[in-house]
Amino acid sequence: MTCIVRAWDLKKPLLFCPAMNTAMWDHPITAEQIERLCNFGYIEIACIEKTLMCGDKGYGAMAEVSTILEKVKELLSKNLPHLTVSVPGYV
């Protein structure tokens, strides 16, 4: 991920969706890294709380697909107001 972000054109929007184990999410380095990405103007789609694959319950699960799609549609409508975005199966 860090190689992709470093190669990203800073003039283009970048959305990121953190997903990790709760222990990793709670680590202070994670907050620093997310803050750094946000300071570049990148847009975080926050993780959610639920039971993770490892069995832990807590924050770290990636946002729901519908949430991610809504954020992408919102961003596209701001930057390309004439564009209509629809994804079959998601309203």
PDB file of N, CA and C in Angstrom:
ATOM      1  N   MET A   1       0.822  -1.201   0.000  1.00  0.00           N
ATOM      2  CA  MET A   1       0.000   0.000   0.000  1.00  0.00           C
ATOM      3  C   MET A   1       0.862   1.259   0.000  1.00  0.00           C
ATOM      4  N   THR A   2       1.912   1.261   0.802  1.00  0.00           N
ATOM      5  CA  THR A   2       2.711   2.480   0.880  1.00  0.00           C
ATOM      6  C   THR A   2       3.374   2.812  -0.451  1.00  0.00           C
ATOM      7  N   CYS A   3       3.738   1.799  -1.234  1.00  0.00           N
ATOM      8  CA  CYS A   3       4.332   2.061  -2.554  1.00  0.00           C
ATOM      9  C   CYS A   3       3.300   2.685  -3.490  1.00  0.00           C
ATOM     10  N   ILE A   4       2.074   2.215  -3.429  1.00  0.00           N
ATOM     11  CA  ILE A   4       1.015   2.783  -4.264  1.00  0.00           C
ATOM     12  C   ILE A   4       0.775   4.238  -3.882  1.00  0.00           C
ATOM     13  N   VAL A   5       0.683   4.501  -2.596  1.00  0.00           N
ATOM     14  CA  VAL A   5       0.431   5.866  -2.137  1.00  0.00           C
ATOM     15  C   VAL A   5       1.583   6.789  -2.529  1.00  0.00           C
ATOM     16  N   ARG A   6       2.799   6.318  -2.409  1.00  0.00           N
ATOM     17  CA  ARG A   6       3.953   7.156  -2.770  1.00  0.00           C
ATOM     18  C   ARG A   6       3.972   7.455  -4.257  1.00  0.00           C
ATOM     19  N   ALA A   7       3.440   6.567  -5.078  1.00  0.00           N
ATOM     20  CA  ALA A   7       3.429   6.773  -6.526  1.00  0.00           C
ATOM     21  C   ALA A   7       2.199   7.552  -6.984  1.00  0.00           C
ATOM     22  N   TRP A   8       1.265   7.828  -6.071  1.00  0.00           N
ATOM     23  CA  TRP A   8      -0.008   8.469  -6.421  1.00  0.00           C
ATOM     24  C   TRP A   8       0.203   9.934  -6.783  1.00  0.00           C
ATOM     25  N   ASP A   9      -0.492  10.384  -7.802  1.00  0.00           N
ATOM     26  CA  ASP A   9      -0.483  11.792  -8.198  1.00  0.00           C
ATOM     27  C   ASP A   9      -1.245  12.580  -7.137  1.00  0.00           C
ATOM     28  N   LEU A  10      -0.570  13.472  -6.433  1.00  0.00           N
ATOM     29  CA  LEU A  10      -1.188  14.211  -5.327  1.00  0.00           C
ATOM     30  C   LEU A  10      -2.340  15.110  -5.774  1.00  0.00           C
ATOM     31  N   LYS A  11      -2.462  15.352  -7.080  1.00  0.00           N
ATOM     32  CA  LYS A  11      -3.574  16.176  -7.574  1.00  0.00           C
ATOM     33  C   LYS A  11      -4.857  15.361  -7.744  1.00  0.00           C
ATOM     34  N   LYS A  12      -4.747  14.046  -7.642  1.00  0.00           N
ATOM     35  CA  LYS A  12      -5.912  13.178  -7.815  1.00  0.00           C
ATOM     36  C   LYS A  12      -6.402  12.702  -6.460  1.00  0.00           C
ATOM     37  N   PRO A  13      -7.720  12.559  -6.322  1.00  0.00           N
ATOM     38  CA  PRO A  13      -8.238  12.081  -5.028  1.00  0.00           C
ATOM     39  C   PRO A  13      -7.838  10.627  -4.773  1.00  0.00           C
ATOM     40  N   LEU A  14      -7.654  10.311  -3.521  1.00  0.00           N
ATOM     41  CA  LEU A  14      -7.365   8.948  -3.117  1.00  0.00           C
ATOM     42  C   LEU A  14      -8.203   8.653  -1.882  1.00  0.00           C
ATOM     43  N   LEU A  15      -8.981   7.604  -1.964  1.00  0.00           N
ATOM     44  CA  LEU A  15      -9.766   7.152  -0.820  1.00  0.00           C
ATOM     45  C   LEU A  15      -9.106   5.891  -0.285  1.00  0.00           C
ATOM     46  N   PHE A  16      -9.064   5.759   1.030  1.00  0.00           N
ATOM     47  CA  PHE A  16      -8.503   4.543   1.612  1.00  0.00           C
ATOM     48  C   PHE A  16      -9.415   4.023   2.705  1.00  0.00           C
ATOM     49  N   CYS A  17      -9.472   2.701   2.793  1.00  0.00           N
ATOM     50  CA  CYS A  17     -10.363   2.008   3.724  1.00  0.00           C
ATOM     51  C   CYS A  17      -9.535   1.095   4.621  1.00  0.00           C
ATOM     52  N   PRO A  18      -9.154   1.563   5.793  1.00  0.00           N
ATOM     53  CA  PRO A  18      -8.354   0.724   6.673  1.00  0.00           C
ATOM     54  C   PRO A  18      -9.103  -0.549   7.072  1.00  0.00           C
ATOM     55  N   ALA A  19      -8.362  -1.626   7.183  1.00  0.00           N
ATOM     56  CA  ALA A  19      -8.930  -2.903   7.646  1.00  0.00           C
ATOM     57  C   ALA A  19      -7.816  -3.683   8.325  1.00  0.00           C
ATOM     58  N   MET A  20      -8.042  -4.048   9.569  1.00  0.00           N
ATOM     59  CA  MET A  20      -7.008  -4.754  10.321  1.00  0.00           C
ATOM     60  C   MET A  20      -7.590  -5.311  11.609  1.00  0.00           C
ATOM     61  N   ASN A  21      -6.798  -6.078  12.309  1.00  0.00           N
ATOM     62  CA  ASN A  21      -7.165  -6.602  13.613  1.00  0.00           C
ATOM     63  C   ASN A  21      -7.310  -5.441  14.602  1.00  0.00           C
ATOM     64  N   THR A  22      -8.168  -5.611  15.582  1.00  0.00           N
ATOM     65  CA  THR A  22      -8.412  -4.553  16.573  1.00  0.00           C
ATOM     66  C   THR A  22      -7.129  -4.130  17.293  1.00  0.00           C
ATOM     67  N   ALA A  23      -6.258  -5.074  17.615  1.00  0.00           N
ATOM     68  CA  ALA A  23      -4.999  -4.721  18.291  1.00  0.00           C
ATOM     69  C   ALA A  23      -4.164  -3.813  17.395  1.00  0.00           C
ATOM     70  N   MET A  24      -4.150  -4.095  16.104  1.00  0.00           N
ATOM     71  CA  MET A  24      -3.413  -3.244  15.172  1.00  0.00           C
ATOM     72  C   MET A  24      -4.084  -1.875  15.078  1.00  0.00           C
ATOM     73  N   TRP A  25      -5.421  -1.868  15.006  1.00  0.00           N
ATOM     74  CA  TRP A  25      -6.162  -0.609  14.917  1.00  0.00           C
ATOM     75  C   TRP A  25      -5.887   0.269  16.129  1.00  0.00           C
ATOM     76  N   ASP A  26      -5.824  -0.336  17.299  1.00  0.00           N
ATOM     77  CA  ASP A  26      -5.634   0.410  18.541  1.00  0.00           C
ATOM     78  C   ASP A  26      -4.193   0.876  18.749  1.00  0.00           C
ATOM     79  N   HIS A  27      -3.260   0.390  17.958  1.00  0.00           N
ATOM     80  CA  HIS A  27      -1.850   0.770  18.126  1.00  0.00           C
ATOM     81  C   HIS A  27      -1.668   2.235  17.732  1.00  0.00           C
ATOM     82  N   PRO A  28      -0.923   3.014  18.513  1.00  0.00           N
ATOM     83  CA  PRO A  28      -0.755   4.441  18.232  1.00  0.00           C
ATOM     84  C   PRO A  28      -0.133   4.740  16.860  1.00  0.00           C
ATOM     85  N   ILE A  29       0.672   3.830  16.342  1.00  0.00           N
ATOM     86  CA  ILE A  29       1.270   4.061  15.021  1.00  0.00           C
ATOM     87  C   ILE A  29       0.182   4.159  13.952  1.00  0.00           C
ATOM     88  N   THR A  30      -0.883   3.375  14.107  1.00  0.00           N
ATOM     89  CA  THR A  30      -1.966   3.395  13.116  1.00  0.00           C
ATOM     90  C   THR A  30      -2.584   4.779  13.033  1.00  0.00           C
ATOM     91  N   ALA A  31      -2.866   5.386  14.173  1.00  0.00           N
ATOM     92  CA  ALA A  31      -3.449   6.735  14.179  1.00  0.00           C
ATOM     93  C   ALA A  31      -2.511   7.737  13.513  1.00  0.00           C
ATOM     94  N   GLU A  32      -1.217   7.601  13.767  1.00  0.00           N
ATOM     95  CA  GLU A  32      -0.235   8.501  13.142  1.00  0.00           C
ATOM     96  C   GLU A  32      -0.229   8.338  11.623  1.00  0.00           C
ATOM     97  N   GLN A  33      -0.275   7.096  11.164  1.00  0.00           N
ATOM     98  CA  GLN A  33      -0.249   6.841   9.725  1.00  0.00           C
ATOM     99  C   GLN A  33      -1.510   7.351   9.042  1.00  0.00           C
ATOM    100  N   ILE A  34      -2.646   7.145   9.672  1.00  0.00           N
ATOM    101  CA  ILE A  34      -3.909   7.634   9.098  1.00  0.00           C
ATOM    102  C   ILE A  34      -3.914   9.157   9.075  1.00  0.00           C
ATOM    103  N   GLU A  35      -3.440   9.774  10.140  1.00  0.00           N
ATOM    104  CA  GLU A  35      -3.359  11.236  10.178  1.00  0.00           C
ATOM    105  C   GLU A  35      -2.456  11.757   9.060  1.00  0.00           C
ATOM    106  N   ARG A  36      -1.351  11.086   8.843  1.00  0.00           N
ATOM    107  CA  ARG A  36      -0.422  11.496   7.787  1.00  0.00           C
ATOM    108  C   ARG A  36      -1.098  11.418   6.415  1.00  0.00           C
ATOM    109  N   LEU A  37      -1.821  10.340   6.149  1.00  0.00           N
ATOM    110  CA  LEU A  37      -2.530  10.214   4.874  1.00  0.00           C
ATOM    111  C   LEU A  37      -3.584  11.319   4.728  1.00  0.00           C
ATOM    112  N   CYS A  38      -4.311  11.584   5.795  1.00  0.00           N
ATOM    113  CA  CYS A  38      -5.330  12.639   5.757  1.00  0.00           C
ATOM    114  C   CYS A  38      -4.698  14.014   5.549  1.00  0.00           C
ATOM    115  N   ASN A  39      -3.520  14.237   6.101  1.00  0.00           N
ATOM    116  CA  ASN A  39      -2.826  15.511   5.910  1.00  0.00           C
ATOM    117  C   ASN A  39      -2.416  15.729   4.461  1.00  0.00           C
ATOM    118  N   PHE A  40      -2.245  14.662   3.713  1.00  0.00           N
ATOM    119  CA  PHE A  40      -1.977  14.777   2.277  1.00  0.00           C
ATOM    120  C   PHE A  40      -3.251  15.086   1.495  1.00  0.00           C
ATOM    121  N   GLY A  41      -4.389  15.054   2.178  1.00  0.00           N
ATOM    122  CA  GLY A  41      -5.660  15.301   1.513  1.00  0.00           C
ATOM    123  C   GLY A  41      -6.375  14.028   1.103  1.00  0.00           C
ATOM    124  N   TYR A  42      -5.815  12.885   1.463  1.00  0.00           N
ATOM    125  CA  TYR A  42      -6.471  11.622   1.146  1.00  0.00           C
ATOM    126  C   TYR A  42      -7.687  11.456   2.053  1.00  0.00           C
ATOM    127  N   ILE A  43      -8.648  10.710   1.591  1.00  0.00           N
ATOM    128  CA  ILE A  43      -9.927  10.591   2.276  1.00  0.00           C
ATOM    129  C   ILE A  43     -10.059   9.211   2.909  1.00  0.00           C
ATOM    130  N   GLU A  44     -10.237   9.205   4.213  1.00  0.00           N
ATOM    131  CA  GLU A  44     -10.416   7.936   4.936  1.00  0.00           C
ATOM    132  C   GLU A  44     -11.882   7.556   4.940  1.00  0.00           C
ATOM    133  N   ILE A  45     -12.140   6.308   4.633  1.00  0.00           N
ATOM    134  CA  ILE A  45     -13.461   5.725   4.850  1.00  0.00           C
ATOM    135  C   ILE A  45     -13.267   4.821   6.061  1.00  0.00           C
ATOM    136  N   ALA A  46     -13.741   5.296   7.189  1.00  0.00           N
ATOM    137  CA  ALA A  46     -13.409   4.698   8.486  1.00  0.00           C
ATOM    138  C   ALA A  46     -13.821   3.237   8.587  1.00  0.00           C
ATOM    139  N   CYS A  47     -13.009   2.498   9.335  1.00  0.00           N
ATOM    140  CA  CYS A  47     -13.342   1.106   9.606  1.00  0.00           C
ATOM    141  C   CYS A  47     -14.527   1.065  10.572  1.00  0.00           C
ATOM    142  N   ILE A  48     -15.089  -0.127  10.724  1.00  0.00           N
ATOM    143  CA  ILE A  48     -16.259  -0.297  11.582  1.00  0.00           C
ATOM    144  C   ILE A  48     -15.976  -1.323  12.668  1.00  0.00           C
ATOM    145  N   GLU A  49     -16.859  -1.369  13.629  1.00  0.00           N
ATOM    146  CA  GLU A  49     -16.753  -2.322  14.727  1.00  0.00           C
ATOM    147  C   GLU A  49     -17.625  -3.527  14.426  1.00  0.00           C
ATOM    148  N   LYS A  50     -17.063  -4.711  14.555  1.00  0.00           N
ATOM    149  CA  LYS A  50     -17.831  -5.950  14.425  1.00  0.00           C
ATOM    150  C   LYS A  50     -16.935  -7.103  14.851  1.00  0.00           C
ATOM    151  N   THR A  51     -17.440  -8.312  14.784  1.00  0.00           N
ATOM    152  CA  THR A  51     -16.614  -9.482  15.067  1.00  0.00           C
ATOM    153  C   THR A  51     -15.733  -9.737  13.857  1.00  0.00           C
ATOM    154  N   LEU A  52     -14.434  -9.747  14.080  1.00  0.00           N
ATOM    155  CA  LEU A  52     -13.462  -9.898  13.001  1.00  0.00           C
ATOM    156  C   LEU A  52     -13.217 -11.379  12.709  1.00  0.00           C
ATOM    157  N   MET A  53     -12.514 -11.649  11.624  1.00  0.00           N
ATOM    158  CA  MET A  53     -12.229 -13.024  11.221  1.00  0.00           C
ATOM    159  C   MET A  53     -11.480 -13.799  12.312  1.00  0.00           C
ATOM    160  N   CYS A  54     -10.668 -13.102  13.083  1.00  0.00           N
ATOM    161  CA  CYS A  54      -9.897 -13.762  14.140  1.00  0.00           C
ATOM    162  C   CYS A  54     -10.753 -14.079  15.364  1.00  0.00           C
ATOM    163  N   GLY A  55     -11.995 -13.587  15.372  1.00  0.00           N
ATOM    164  CA  GLY A  55     -12.885 -13.817  16.498  1.00  0.00           C
ATOM    165  C   GLY A  55     -12.963 -12.654  17.467  1.00  0.00           C
ATOM    166  N   ASP A  56     -12.031 -11.715  17.373  1.00  0.00           N
ATOM    167  CA  ASP A  56     -12.087 -10.528  18.226  1.00  0.00           C
ATOM    168  C   ASP A  56     -13.260  -9.657  17.816  1.00  0.00           C
ATOM    169  N   LYS A  57     -13.832  -8.959  18.789  1.00  0.00           N
ATOM    170  CA  LYS A  57     -14.875  -7.996  18.483  1.00  0.00           C
ATOM    171  C   LYS A  57     -14.312  -6.621  18.768  1.00  0.00           C
ATOM    172  N   GLY A  58     -14.415  -5.735  17.789  1.00  0.00           N
ATOM    173  CA  GLY A  58     -13.902  -4.388  17.976  1.00  0.00           C
ATOM    174  C   GLY A  58     -13.746  -3.691  16.646  1.00  0.00           C
ATOM    175  N   TYR A  59     -13.120  -2.529  16.681  1.00  0.00           N
ATOM    176  CA  TYR A  59     -12.883  -1.771  15.457  1.00  0.00           C
ATOM    177  C   TYR A  59     -11.753  -2.403  14.660  1.00  0.00           C
ATOM    178  N   GLY A  60     -11.824  -2.230  13.366  1.00  0.00           N
ATOM    179  CA  GLY A  60     -10.802  -2.742  12.483  1.00  0.00           C
ATOM    180  C   GLY A  60     -11.365  -3.313  11.196  1.00  0.00           C
ATOM    181  N   ALA A  61     -12.652  -3.665  11.206  1.00  0.00           N
ATOM    182  CA  ALA A  61     -13.261  -4.224   9.996  1.00  0.00           C
ATOM    183  C   ALA A  61     -13.425  -3.140   8.938  1.00  0.00           C
ATOM    184  N   MET A  62     -13.178  -3.503   7.692  1.00  0.00           N
ATOM    185  CA  MET A  62     -13.337  -2.548   6.602  1.00  0.00           C
ATOM    186  C   MET A  62     -14.794  -2.095   6.527  1.00  0.00           C
ATOM    187  N   ALA A  63     -14.990  -0.858   6.124  1.00  0.00           N
ATOM    188  CA  ALA A  63     -16.342  -0.313   5.956  1.00  0.00           C
ATOM    189  C   ALA A  63     -17.151  -1.193   5.012  1.00  0.00           C
ATOM    190  N   GLU A  64     -18.448  -1.159   5.172  1.00  0.00           N
ATOM    191  CA  GLU A  64     -19.334  -1.926   4.293  1.00  0.00           C
ATOM    192  C   GLU A  64     -19.190  -1.428   2.861  1.00  0.00           C
ATOM    193  N   VAL A  65     -19.361  -2.328   1.910  1.00  0.00           N
ATOM    194  CA  VAL A  65     -19.245  -1.975   0.492  1.00  0.00           C
ATOM    195  C   VAL A  65     -20.189  -0.825   0.142  1.00  0.00           C
ATOM    196  N   SER A  66     -21.395  -0.847   0.676  1.00  0.00           N
ATOM    197  CA  SER A  66     -22.357   0.223   0.378  1.00  0.00           C
ATOM    198  C   SER A  66     -21.851   1.579   0.862  1.00  0.00           C
ATOM    199  N   THR A  67     -21.175   1.613   1.994  1.00  0.00           N
ATOM    200  CA  THR A  67     -20.603   2.854   2.520  1.00  0.00           C
ATOM    201  C   THR A  67     -19.492   3.356   1.603  1.00  0.00           C
ATOM    202  N   ILE A  68     -18.643   2.437   1.160  1.00  0.00           N
ATOM    203  CA  ILE A  68     -17.545   2.801   0.261  1.00  0.00           C
ATOM    204  C   ILE A  68     -18.109   3.338  -1.051  1.00  0.00           C
ATOM    205  N   LEU A  69     -19.100   2.652  -1.602  1.00  0.00           N
ATOM    206  CA  LEU A  69     -19.698   3.105  -2.861  1.00  0.00           C
ATOM    207  C   LEU A  69     -20.336   4.482  -2.727  1.00  0.00           C
ATOM    208  N   GLU A  70     -20.998   4.733  -1.614  1.00  0.00           N
ATOM    209  CA  GLU A  70     -21.619   6.049  -1.410  1.00  0.00           C
ATOM    210  C   GLU A  70     -20.561   7.148  -1.392  1.00  0.00           C
ATOM    211  N   LYS A  71     -19.438   6.879  -0.728  1.00  0.00           N
ATOM    212  CA  LYS A  71     -18.368   7.878  -0.659  1.00  0.00           C
ATOM    213  C   LYS A  71     -17.758   8.122  -2.034  1.00  0.00           C
ATOM    214  N   VAL A  72     -17.589   7.059  -2.814  1.00  0.00           N
ATOM    215  CA  VAL A  72     -17.059   7.201  -4.170  1.00  0.00           C
ATOM    216  C   VAL A  72     -18.042   8.004  -5.022  1.00  0.00           C
ATOM    217  N   LYS A  73     -19.325   7.677  -4.933  1.00  0.00           N
ATOM    218  CA  LYS A  73     -20.338   8.418  -5.694  1.00  0.00           C
ATOM    219  C   LYS A  73     -20.358   9.888  -5.291  1.00  0.00           C
ATOM    220  N   GLU A  74     -20.243  10.153  -3.990  1.00  0.00           N
ATOM    221  CA  GLU A  74     -20.220  11.539  -3.487  1.00  0.00           C
ATOM    222  C   GLU A  74     -19.036  12.298  -4.070  1.00  0.00           C
ATOM    223  N   LEU A  75     -17.873  11.681  -4.050  1.00  0.00           N
ATOM    224  CA  LEU A  75     -16.671  12.317  -4.578  1.00  0.00           C
ATOM    225  C   LEU A  75     -16.791  12.560  -6.080  1.00  0.00           C
ATOM    226  N   LEU A  76     -17.287  11.576  -6.793  1.00  0.00           N
ATOM    227  CA  LEU A  76     -17.452  11.737  -8.241  1.00  0.00           C
ATOM    228  C   LEU A  76     -18.461  12.833  -8.573  1.00  0.00           C
ATOM    229  N   SER A  77     -19.539  12.913  -7.817  1.00  0.00           N
ATOM    230  CA  SER A  77     -20.556  13.933  -8.108  1.00  0.00           C
ATOM    231  C   SER A  77     -20.025  15.341  -7.855  1.00  0.00           C
ATOM    232  N   LYS A  78     -19.093  15.477  -6.902  1.00  0.00           N
ATOM    233  CA  LYS A  78     -18.486  16.787  -6.654  1.00  0.00           C
ATOM    234  C   LYS A  78     -17.527  17.176  -7.775  1.00  0.00           C
ATOM    235  N   ASN A  79     -16.749  16.198  -8.245  1.00  0.00           N
ATOM    236  CA  ASN A  79     -15.726  16.469  -9.247  1.00  0.00           C
ATOM    237  C   ASN A  79     -16.244  16.388 -10.678  1.00  0.00           C
ATOM    238  N   LEU A  80     -17.276  15.600 -10.892  1.00  0.00           N
ATOM    239  CA  LEU A  80     -17.846  15.420 -12.227  1.00  0.00           C
ATOM    240  C   LEU A  80     -19.370  15.494 -12.129  1.00  0.00           C
ATOM    241  N   PRO A  81     -19.921  16.683 -11.900  1.00  0.00           N
ATOM    242  CA  PRO A  81     -21.353  16.804 -11.623  1.00  0.00           C
ATOM    243  C   PRO A  81     -22.255  16.292 -12.751  1.00  0.00           C
ATOM    244  N   HIS A  82     -21.770  16.254 -13.977  1.00  0.00           N
ATOM    245  CA  HIS A  82     -22.582  15.784 -15.102  1.00  0.00           C
ATOM    246  C   HIS A  82     -22.624  14.254 -15.182  1.00  0.00           C
ATOM    247  N   LEU A  83     -21.808  13.569 -14.391  1.00  0.00           N
ATOM    248  CA  LEU A  83     -21.703  12.119 -14.434  1.00  0.00           C
ATOM    249  C   LEU A  83     -22.760  11.488 -13.537  1.00  0.00           C
ATOM    250  N   THR A  84     -23.428  10.470 -14.043  1.00  0.00           N
ATOM    251  CA  THR A  84     -24.357   9.687 -13.242  1.00  0.00           C
ATOM    252  C   THR A  84     -23.698   8.354 -12.937  1.00  0.00           C
ATOM    253  N   VAL A  85     -23.613   8.018 -11.660  1.00  0.00           N
ATOM    254  CA  VAL A  85     -22.952   6.793 -11.242  1.00  0.00           C
ATOM    255  C   VAL A  85     -23.978   5.849 -10.658  1.00  0.00           C
ATOM    256  N   SER A  86     -24.022   4.650 -11.178  1.00  0.00           N
ATOM    257  CA  SER A  86     -24.870   3.630 -10.578  1.00  0.00           C
ATOM    258  C   SER A  86     -24.115   2.307 -10.613  1.00  0.00           C
ATOM    259  N   VAL A  87     -24.320   1.527  -9.575  1.00  0.00           N
ATOM    260  CA  VAL A  87     -23.685   0.229  -9.475  1.00  0.00           C
ATOM    261  C   VAL A  87     -24.799  -0.790  -9.287  1.00  0.00           C
ATOM    262  N   PRO A  88     -24.968  -1.697 -10.247  1.00  0.00           N
ATOM    263  CA  PRO A  88     -26.027  -2.703 -10.126  1.00  0.00           C
ATOM    264  C   PRO A  88     -25.933  -3.450  -8.787  1.00  0.00           C
ATOM    265  N   GLY A  89     -27.058  -3.587  -8.129  1.00  0.00           N
ATOM    266  CA  GLY A  89     -27.087  -4.296  -6.861  1.00  0.00           C
ATOM    267  C   GLY A  89     -26.914  -3.400  -5.642  1.00  0.00           C
ATOM    268  N   TYR A  90     -26.523  -2.140  -5.875  1.00  0.00           N
ATOM    269  CA  TYR A  90     -26.351  -1.186  -4.781  1.00  0.00           C
ATOM    270  C   TYR A  90     -27.124   0.072  -5.111  1.00  0.00           C
ATOM    271  N   VAL A  91     -27.892   0.501  -4.161  1.00  0.00           N
ATOM    272  CA  VAL A  91     -28.688   1.712  -4.376  1.00  0.00           C
ATOM    273  C   VAL A  91     -27.985   2.901  -3.788  1.00  0.00           C
TER     274      VAL A  91
END
